[in-house]
Amino acid sequence: MSSSTNIFKSPRHLVFRHGQRLLRSLNEGDNASTGLAPGEELLHSFYLPGLQTGSHTISVVQSINAGESKTLASQQKFNVVGPRFALPDNAIHSSYPPQGYQEMVECLPHVIFNDATFPWERVGSYNAENPHPPDYDRNRTPWLAVLSFTQDELKLPPAAMDPNTGIFTKVKGLEKGAVQGPTFSINMSVSQISNIQQTVSPVTYDETVDGAATSDMLLLPRALFTSLFSKYDPNGKPDASAPYVYHHRYLAHKRDINNQGMALSAAASEDDTGSFGVIFSHRSGPVDITAPTPVYVHLISIEGIEQMTPWPIADGTAYVAVSSLYSWSYLCLPPDTPTIRDEFVGLGDSVSLLSPTMDTKNPLFAKPGGPEILSRLQAGFTISRYRLQTGEQTACLIRGPFVPTQDPPGPPPSWWPSTSLTGTDLQILDQGVGIMDITYSAAWQLGRTMAIADQAFVAALGNVRKYINDNSRAIAQANALKETGMYKSREELLSSLPHTVESLQGLHKKKNLTKPNSMLHRWFRPVVKPLDMSYHGDTLAPYLAETPNQAAMDVSSTPDKNDPTKPSNPSVPYDEYNTPFSVDWVLVLRWVLDRLFFHSVPAHYLLTDASHLPPESLKFFRVDTKWTDAMIDGALSLGNHFYQQSDPDRDAIKAAIERYKTTPNSVLKYPPPLPKYGCFVRSALITKFPDIIVGIGPTAPAPTDAPILLGHEIIDPGTMLCLFSSMPSKDTWNVLTFTQPPHQQTFIAADHITGPTAQTIKAEEGITTIPADTIVMEYRRAYTIPDPSKVDDHHTIPLTGTYSWTMDETGASPMYVWTQKDPKTGAPYDVRTLLMDNLAPNYLTQLQAQMDKAWFDDSTATSALMAWQQNDPSYSLTINLSGSTMDFQPEIRSILPTRPSEARKPVPEKTCSTPPQFTTPVKHIKPVDRNSGEYSHPVLTVPPHRNAFRAIPLDRKEIGIGFPTKPVFQYTFSPTSSPAVFPSPGTIPMGGVAQDILFTIRLTDHAGSWPLSQIWISIPYGVPPTPGQPGQIYTLTNAPPTGAYMLSNLRFNPLISRSDDTNSLVIRLLPRSTNGYVPAAACNELNFVLTGVQVNTSSIQPYYVAPVITEYYTNQRNFPATGTPIMQLVTAT
């Protein structure tokens, strides 16, 4: 690759990844992969970092032998610092169940870490360090645990939270009472944990290391904490001699996966493999519920629990405070609720094309025009509000790039523009419904807007345009001069030198110089017709037709092998796998290709209406290439400084891009794939499994073939977009699969767990009743060989027998604890915990007894083995796309292009001292006298709308002659230091220093379509009157204000001047528009500031001034302001 940018962070990373696999297959021995095939995983019991957090000692021994031997030894202690009370940024890849989602009672929540070593960054069990247990080399205890709780287990009673008598009265910062968060944790300083009354904690505080660290603390009831961290004997009885955490060694493992077909993991790595650290809980949801119940999951630190003394915890202790590093909640569902399998089935039943689901029998569709509207909606269109260039609002049809229809057969109509200058000629009038279709016009404007927002792209595009313009002109000039014999290239000049020298040598032998009148003809030179070599001159015009294309092919090519300063000859296109001739072309091409993959395209353009993609649906679509062409055309329209009627430079750039699309890659040997087909998936499954695997069938493309799956992105929580390089067919692919990812598969405590009530299970084998207080599980087959499917046809079938235990069963090693009784109060409480020290050996024993030793040969139960057993079965949804329900129908409708109206001739500029009015167009433009002292304003007609067919505004029921009611503006005046609250009039201080005055103008009613051309505000100069001198209203000093500027509605400019009699200050609000007006409906606010105003003083308090305000409209009308706007002056304080 020629660019230093990380291509695997690109929106096209799947395309590059496929190319990487091809290159690896061609270079044997250059494969850094783990060898995992798609869908495979590799489990490790643990994965320690190079150095765990804590104190370490480094010892150095050096033996010296120089005549005599001497051994030097040295030791040094050092500390490795790691996270303890908070997680680093981006530490968690995902958690399950997702926040706020639903799961069954049997679910064991889990957390997946991006860093595979994170669960073992710190030592979880110091007791296992010395002496080592028998399985120490195969298992290590993590320093974190995932535990789930219900609200009644975590919510502190009001007495404990009381600010006067509660348990936090001695905690600094919580003296006035503590507040539990959404998951019932309390954030506090680590140094204050020991001050919580009736509470003990395994958390220790070291001022030199922890400093002012804070943590979310979880206060667990003493009895529950004791049950969770006690060792159980084979009969299920707790051992109260010491705290115990070593059973957590079975609850954490490292998982390596192949991430092909995954949205998040594939984009986050530069290889096809990903490694994650996984911790799952051994505590299930509540088993006695009959309605959905919130469950709160916490990732807690178990460091230091083994060192807690005394044990059992003293009876006077009510709570144990543990540090929670991450938490969330989900809803635990009672039995007989939908499962993950049911969600997959429901998603498969929703397959359809991307269009709204409508009741076609609705009586509205039977009305005139109803069938036409229905067909447009079914074709993916949305009816939207649209504002015309004249300011009126009407309806329009709009559709995104993803359509449920097929292109009409044949080439596009002859009137369809390949290059647009403004985008308005891409609008289409739909004759069937009489509504304008702005789909492609909106795409053009979107492309232009996105391009403007990318500074690097604009600069690169400008450089590419300059290269094309300069080189095409140079080529055209050279061709024009060659025809006149006035120009030779360097190569031509060098090749003609021998002939020139030969002619000079024989010049004296020829008779041309001895002819009669030879001296006279020597000085005779025929008149040479002058050549206009300017870019738009007549001389170059015939030669400029093809030169932009030639220059574009050069700038988009690779450098010449012999002279890198020149493009290759013959031209070889740059294809991202070779060296570019122009770095600017690299940026332009990459930007365009990313947009063709819809990178950064706003979601409301991709989905124009939410009804197209309802919840729990799978919608397929075809990519509308005319839409993407319009978007790219709009983006490439920037930087056009030479053309008004056409843009050959843009056409040349598009031709170079088209050459890239159709030319096989120089390394991969196939043309670059681009999206042509795709699907949206909106489902809770995407939130639960954001790395859900998307597969292509019946067989995936070989590395030497172009990839089919081009894009796989989570565009919103619960919504996924997939893009494919071709439509389904029997020759390429026609099967699409969605599979749970290996690292995001759920963990379950058992197949079924019941509470006080028996449970009836409906399965394929029939109806089964599970007694109350029973746990039932099947043991999965496990293998120690790489691919068991090659040797065992039953590798997916569980071991023989179903294993179950009941709450009161005796004589068998229990695997699950339902409840315990508080030894202090005798009250029962839920434990809901798997006894991993009993379950793991039992599972290993069954494997050794039933599995062939050649297939399974192991003598130690490990966390990898238990992760395999506790994994919920993986589900996969297969969609067959060869059915007739997924056929795209051609879109047939009656449409007309939008053609420009006949252009009006320009009108003369005119010196205006009065408001401008419409004038009759004349043939020539009269120049303005720039030396005149009067204010000059060019009077222009309103430019015609580009549409030949004018739409009827929605807010008019009928069209009549005349104007609607005049707009009503309200005016207030106040100093900027104390703005008035609209619509109350403000008060302006008199005297003092110069001040800034805020003029607030707001439209209150009757906007209509009146074209506002300007507003005049006249305020008198002079000294206000004294008592007994009525009638004078002078208010401002003769010193003029320093300036004026708009605060809102930049469609206007405020200009200040004196009146003709110099007795008044005149402020004119003039439109910036070349139309000479702005629709009143667009003038909701016209606020501006008059700066540096000196206000005279008066003894009359308050003193009122009425400015003279006139509003002008282009319909040859002017009106005074509605009401009597008043300026209220008061003495400055």
Foldseek 3Di string as FASTA:
>chain_A
DADPDDCLLFLQNVQVQLLVVLVPVVPPPPDPDPPFDAPDKDWALADADPDAFFKDKDKDWDWDDDPHIDIDIDMDMDGDDDDDFADDPQQWPDKPPPFAAEDAQQFWIKTKTQDQNQQASHACDPVCVPPHDPCNVRFGAGQKAKDKDAPVFFDDDVQQFCLPRHQCCQAPPANNGFDADPLRWTKGWLVRPVSGPLEAELDDDDCVRQPRDIFGKTWGFLVLVQVVFFAADLFRHTDQQFGHRVLQRLFKIKMKHQQAQFFPPSSVDPHRIGIIIMGIHQFGHAFPDDAWGKMKMFIWGSPRRRVDPDTPPDPSRTTYMTGTHDMHMYIYGYPPDDHPVNLLVLQQVFEFAQAFDDDCPPVVLVPVLSVVVVLLRRFAWDWDWDAFPLGFIAIAIEHFQWTLFDADPDDDDPQQDLFDQQLQLNWWQFVSRRHIYSHLSVLLVLLLVVLVVDPLLLVLLLVLLVQLLVQLLVVLVQVLCVVVVNDDDPVRVVVCVVVVVVCVVCVVVDCCCVDPCSVVCVPDDDDDDDDDSDPPDPSSVVSNPCSSLVSLLFQQFAADPVDLQGAHVVGHGDQVPDHGSHPSVVSNLSVLQSVLSVPPPDVCNVRVDCSSPDASYKHKGWGRVSSSSSSSSSSSSPNPPDDDPDDVNSVSNVVSSVCQQQDQDPPLRHRAFTFTMWMKGAYSVCLLAVGWGKDWDPDADDSSDRHFWRRWHDPDRRMIITTTRDDDDPVHTFKIKTKRRPVRFIFTNAPDAHAQQWDWDQDPVGIDIGHHQKGKHFFAADFPDDDCVVPDVCNGPTAPDMDMDGAPDGDGRDQFHAWDADPVPRHIDGNSGGSSVNVQVVSVVSNVVGPDCNTPPDDDRGSSSVVVGRGDDMDMRMHGRPDPSSDHHHDDGDMDGFAADDWDAWAEWDADPDFDADDDRDHDHDDDDPPDPGDTDGATADTDRSGPDDRDRPVDPDDDDDFWDDWAKAKAKEFPVDDDDPPPHYEYAAADFFTKMKIKIFTDDDQGFFWWQKKKWKAFADADDAPPDPDDQHWFHLDAFPDKAWPDDPQWGWDWDADPVNGIIMIMTGGPDPNSTDRSVSPRITMMMGGRTHTHDYPDPWGKHFIWMKIDTRVPDIDTHPDTHIHIYHHDD
